C-alpha atoms as a PDB file:
ATOM      1  CA  MET A   1       1.796  19.362  -5.185  1.00  0.00           C
ATOM      2  CA  LEU A   2      -1.147  17.569  -6.562  1.00  0.00           C
ATOM      3  CA  GLN A   3      -3.981  17.454  -4.323  1.00  0.00           C
ATOM      4  CA  TYR A   4      -7.347  15.464  -4.525  1.00  0.00           C
ATOM      5  CA  GLN A   5     -10.826  15.414  -2.694  1.00  0.00           C
ATOM      6  CA  ILE A   6     -13.599  12.855  -2.079  1.00  0.00           C
ATOM      7  CA  VAL A   7     -16.691  13.685  -3.019  1.00  0.00           C
ATOM      8  CA  LYS A   8     -20.265  12.023  -1.810  1.00  0.00           C
ATOM      9  CA  ASN A   9     -23.558  12.469  -4.010  1.00  0.00           C
ATOM     10  CA  THR A  10     -26.177  12.148  -1.227  1.00  0.00           C
ATOM     11  CA  LEU A  11     -28.747  11.433  -3.435  1.00  0.00           C
ATOM     12  CA  LYS A  12     -27.235   8.404  -5.249  1.00  0.00           C
ATOM     13  CA  GLY A  13     -24.558   7.557  -2.661  1.00  0.00           C
ATOM     14  CA  ASP A  14     -22.064   7.552  -5.286  1.00  0.00           C
ATOM     15  CA  VAL A  15     -18.505   8.477  -4.191  1.00  0.00           C
ATOM     16  CA  ARG A  16     -15.781   9.948  -6.630  1.00  0.00           C
ATOM     17  CA  VAL A  17     -12.234  11.566  -6.750  1.00  0.00           C
ATOM     18  CA  GLU A  18     -11.735  14.655  -7.884  1.00  0.00           C
ATOM     19  CA  LYS A  19      -7.840  15.408  -8.553  1.00  0.00           C
ATOM     20  CA  GLY A  20      -6.323  18.742  -9.061  1.00  0.00           C
ATOM     21  CA  PRO A  21      -5.170  21.382  -9.466  1.00  0.00           C
ATOM     22  CA  LYS A  22      -8.378  23.003 -10.210  1.00  0.00           C
ATOM     23  CA  LEU A  23     -11.476  24.692  -8.609  1.00  0.00           C
ATOM     24  CA  LEU A  24     -13.835  22.235  -7.625  1.00  0.00           C
ATOM     25  CA  PHE A  25     -17.503  23.224  -8.007  1.00  0.00           C
ATOM     26  CA  LEU A  26     -19.949  20.974  -6.223  1.00  0.00           C
ATOM     27  CA  ARG A  27     -22.914  19.642  -8.106  1.00  0.00           C
ATOM     28  CA  PRO A  28     -26.522  19.321  -6.485  1.00  0.00           C
ATOM     29  CA  TYR A  29     -26.417  16.864  -3.763  1.00  0.00           C
ATOM     30  CA  ASP A  30     -22.571  16.803  -3.470  1.00  0.00           C
ATOM     31  CA  VAL A  31     -20.649  16.803  -0.300  1.00  0.00           C
ATOM     32  CA  LEU A  32     -16.876  16.898   0.705  1.00  0.00           C
ATOM     33  CA  ASP A  33     -16.274  13.600   2.428  1.00  0.00           C
ATOM     34  CA  GLY A  34     -13.284  14.219   4.548  1.00  0.00           C
ATOM     35  CA  GLU A  35     -10.457  16.700   4.178  1.00  0.00           C
ATOM     36  CA  LYS A  36      -8.670  17.497   1.135  1.00  0.00           C
ATOM     37  CA  GLN A  37      -5.514  15.176   0.634  1.00  0.00           C
ATOM     38  CA  THR A  38      -2.164  15.263  -0.908  1.00  0.00           C
ATOM     39  CA  ALA A  39      -1.254  12.757  -3.759  1.00  0.00           C
ATOM     40  CA  ILE A  40       1.348  10.214  -2.756  1.00  0.00           C
ATOM     41  CA  SER A  41       4.826   9.870  -4.536  1.00  0.00           C
ATOM     42  CA  LEU A  42       6.351   6.607  -3.971  1.00  0.00           C
ATOM     43  CA  ARG A  43      10.117   5.915  -4.199  1.00  0.00           C
ATOM     44  CA  ALA A  44      11.521   2.702  -5.794  1.00  0.00           C
ATOM     45  CA  THR A  45      11.689   1.063  -2.364  1.00  0.00           C
ATOM     46  CA  GLN A  46       8.312   2.076  -1.206  1.00  0.00           C
ATOM     47  CA  TYR A  47       4.573   0.318  -1.675  1.00  0.00           C
ATOM     48  CA  VAL A  48       1.247   1.113  -0.389  1.00  0.00           C
ATOM     49  CA  ARG A  49      -1.501  -1.592   0.181  1.00  0.00           C
ATOM     50  CA  LEU A  50      -5.168  -0.428  -0.356  1.00  0.00           C
ATOM     51  CA  LEU A  51      -8.435  -1.735   0.725  1.00  0.00           C
ATOM     52  CA  ASP A  52     -11.369  -1.364  -1.642  1.00  0.00           C
ATOM     53  CA  LYS A  53     -14.395  -0.782   0.987  1.00  0.00           C
ATOM     54  CA  LYS A  54     -16.716  -1.729  -1.801  1.00  0.00           C
ATOM     55  CA  THR A  55     -15.397  -4.818  -2.941  1.00  0.00           C
ATOM     56  CA  GLY A  56     -13.055  -5.801  -0.031  1.00  0.00           C
ATOM     57  CA  GLN A  57     -10.517  -6.400  -2.483  1.00  0.00           C
ATOM     58  CA  VAL A  58      -6.804  -5.361  -1.436  1.00  0.00           C
ATOM     59  CA  ARG A  59      -4.588  -3.865  -3.938  1.00  0.00           C
ATOM     60  CA  VAL A  60      -0.723  -3.300  -3.827  1.00  0.00           C
ATOM     61  CA  VAL A  61       0.967  -0.345  -5.534  1.00  0.00           C
ATOM     62  CA  LYS A  62       4.766  -0.470  -5.828  1.00  0.00           C
ATOM     63  CA  GLY A  63       6.972   2.560  -6.372  1.00  0.00           C
ATOM     64  CA  GLU A  64       8.604   4.375  -8.098  1.00  0.00           C
ATOM     65  CA  LEU A  65       5.599   6.446  -8.714  1.00  0.00           C
ATOM     66  CA  GLY A  66       4.814  10.184  -8.383  1.00  0.00           C
ATOM     67  CA  ASN A  67       1.400  11.791  -7.720  1.00  0.00           C
ATOM     68  CA  PHE A  68      -0.557   8.549  -6.805  1.00  0.00           C
ATOM     69  CA  VAL A  69      -4.142   8.898  -5.913  1.00  0.00           C
ATOM     70  CA  PRO A  70      -6.223   6.116  -4.243  1.00  0.00           C
ATOM     71  CA  GLU A  71      -9.635   5.148  -5.800  1.00  0.00           C
ATOM     72  CA  ALA A  72     -13.060   6.573  -4.548  1.00  0.00           C
ATOM     73  CA  TYR A  73     -13.574   3.553  -2.054  1.00  0.00           C
ATOM     74  CA  GLU A  74      -9.903   2.710  -1.278  1.00  0.00           C
ATOM     75  CA  THR A  75      -8.411   3.083   2.221  1.00  0.00           C
ATOM     76  CA  PHE A  76      -4.857   2.742   3.116  1.00  0.00           C
ATOM     77  CA  LEU A  77      -3.663  -0.305   5.117  1.00  0.00           C
ATOM     78  CA  ASP A  78      -0.348  -0.358   7.064  1.00  0.00           C
ATOM     79  CA  TYR A  79      -0.889   3.370   8.001  1.00  0.00           C
ATOM     80  CA  GLY A  80      -0.224   4.418   4.450  1.00  0.00           C
ATOM     81  CA  VAL A  81       3.184   4.150   2.793  1.00  0.00           C
ATOM     82  CA  CYS A  82       5.615   1.154   3.625  1.00  0.00           C
ATOM     83  CA  ASP A  83       9.055   0.471   3.061  1.00  0.00           C
ATOM     84  CA  ALA A  84      10.140  -2.705   1.432  1.00  0.00           C
ATOM     85  CA  VAL A  85      12.267  -5.291   3.514  1.00  0.00           C
ATOM     86  CA  SER A  86      15.815  -4.617   2.383  1.00  0.00           C
ATOM     87  CA  LEU A  87      17.649  -8.173   3.078  1.00  0.00           C
ATOM     88  CA  LYS A  88      21.175  -8.427   3.051  1.00  0.00           C
ATOM     89  CA  LEU A  89      23.040 -11.596   1.503  1.00  0.00           C
ATOM     90  CA  SER A  90      23.203 -13.325   5.025  1.00  0.00           C
ATOM     91  CA  GLN A  91      19.580 -12.405   6.025  1.00  0.00           C
ATOM     92  CA  TYR A  92      16.150 -13.879   5.742  1.00  0.00           C
ATOM     93  CA  VAL A  93      12.589 -13.235   6.841  1.00  0.00           C
ATOM     94  CA  LYS A  94       9.360 -15.381   7.173  1.00  0.00           C
ATOM     95  CA  ILE A  95       6.152 -14.048   5.801  1.00  0.00           C
ATOM     96  CA  GLU A  96       2.800 -15.502   6.211  1.00  0.00           C
ATOM     97  CA  ASN A  97      -0.252 -15.470   3.953  1.00  0.00           C
ATOM     98  CA  LYS A  98      -3.150 -14.589   6.037  1.00  0.00           C
ATOM     99  CA  GLU A  99      -5.727 -15.906   3.607  1.00  0.00           C
ATOM    100  CA  THR A 100      -4.078 -19.527   3.073  1.00  0.00           C
ATOM    101  CA  GLY A 101      -1.913 -19.748   6.276  1.00  0.00           C
ATOM    102  CA  GLU A 102       1.172 -20.618   3.836  1.00  0.00           C
ATOM    103  CA  ILE A 103       4.519 -19.559   5.359  1.00  0.00           C
ATOM    104  CA  ARG A 104       7.381 -18.655   2.975  1.00  0.00           C
ATOM    105  CA  VAL A 105      10.961 -17.730   3.605  1.00  0.00           C
ATOM    106  CA  GLU A 106      12.676 -14.877   1.581  1.00  0.00           C
ATOM    107  CA  ARG A 107      16.439 -14.938   1.333  1.00  0.00           C
ATOM    108  CA  GLY A 108      18.550 -12.037   0.687  1.00  0.00           C
ATOM    109  CA  ALA A 109      20.298 -10.117  -0.891  1.00  0.00           C
ATOM    110  CA  LYS A 110      16.923  -8.458  -2.426  1.00  0.00           C
ATOM    111  CA  LEU A 111      14.180  -5.959  -1.609  1.00  0.00           C
ATOM    112  CA  VAL A 112      10.758  -7.822  -0.346  1.00  0.00           C
ATOM    113  CA  PHE A 113       7.517  -6.170  -0.911  1.00  0.00           C
ATOM    114  CA  LEU A 114       4.609  -7.716   0.923  1.00  0.00           C
ATOM    115  CA  ALA A 115       1.505  -8.908  -1.426  1.00  0.00           C
ATOM    116  CA  ALA A 116      -2.173  -8.055  -0.376  1.00  0.00           C
ATOM    117  CA  GLN A 117      -2.837 -10.575   2.182  1.00  0.00           C
ATOM    118  CA  GLU A 118       0.884 -10.797   3.779  1.00  0.00           C
ATOM    119  CA  GLN A 119       2.531 -10.099   6.919  1.00  0.00           C
ATOM    120  CA  ILE A 120       5.993 -10.590   8.212  1.00  0.00           C
ATOM    121  CA  ILE A 121       6.384 -13.051  11.093  1.00  0.00           C
ATOM    122  CA  GLY A 122       8.892 -11.951  13.753  1.00  0.00           C
ATOM    123  CA  SER A 123      11.845  -9.882  12.513  1.00  0.00           C
ATOM    124  CA  VAL A 124      14.664  -9.920   9.747  1.00  0.00           C
ATOM    125  CA  GLU A 125      17.172 -12.897  10.913  1.00  0.00           C
ATOM    126  CA  GLU A 126      20.727 -13.478  10.400  1.00  0.00           C
ATOM    127  CA  ALA A 127      21.460 -17.092   8.900  1.00  0.00           C
ATOM    128  CA  VAL A 128      23.756 -19.310  10.518  1.00  0.00           C
ATOM    129  CA  ASP A 129      27.143 -19.839   9.270  1.00  0.00           C
ATOM    130  CA  LEU A 130      27.854 -23.634   9.377  1.00  0.00           C
ATOM    131  CA  GLY A 131      31.272 -23.237   8.051  1.00  0.00           C
ATOM    132  CA  GLU A 132      32.992 -25.319   5.266  1.00  0.00           C
ATOM    133  CA  LEU A 133      32.905 -28.852   4.811  1.00  0.00           C
ATOM    134  CA  GLU A 134      36.137 -30.786   4.983  1.00  0.00           C
END
């Protein structure tokens, strides 16, 4: 498995990511920032949302992707890897954009990946069958 380590330069304040496999030799003024981490492998139905602590931007990375390593200033939102919402033909879900307040409805059958500023309102719901017209 690919591993990575965040390294901080205490003189300049710079942060960088060192990816393995390799032996990591620290430079003058370098310190390890946190524990050694394992790279992430995303399946086709998975995604991660990352917050760049330096710029405040949120980035979404969708699977299928092996050995994914976040950038130096990125942290995981949503507690890491998320599964896309799988909707059957008769299902729907409401999604709110927290930035604009806009609410949209996604109808099945499909996989729904949340964008950077989105969250699900409630849960997956079943559509109401109104029967056939006469």
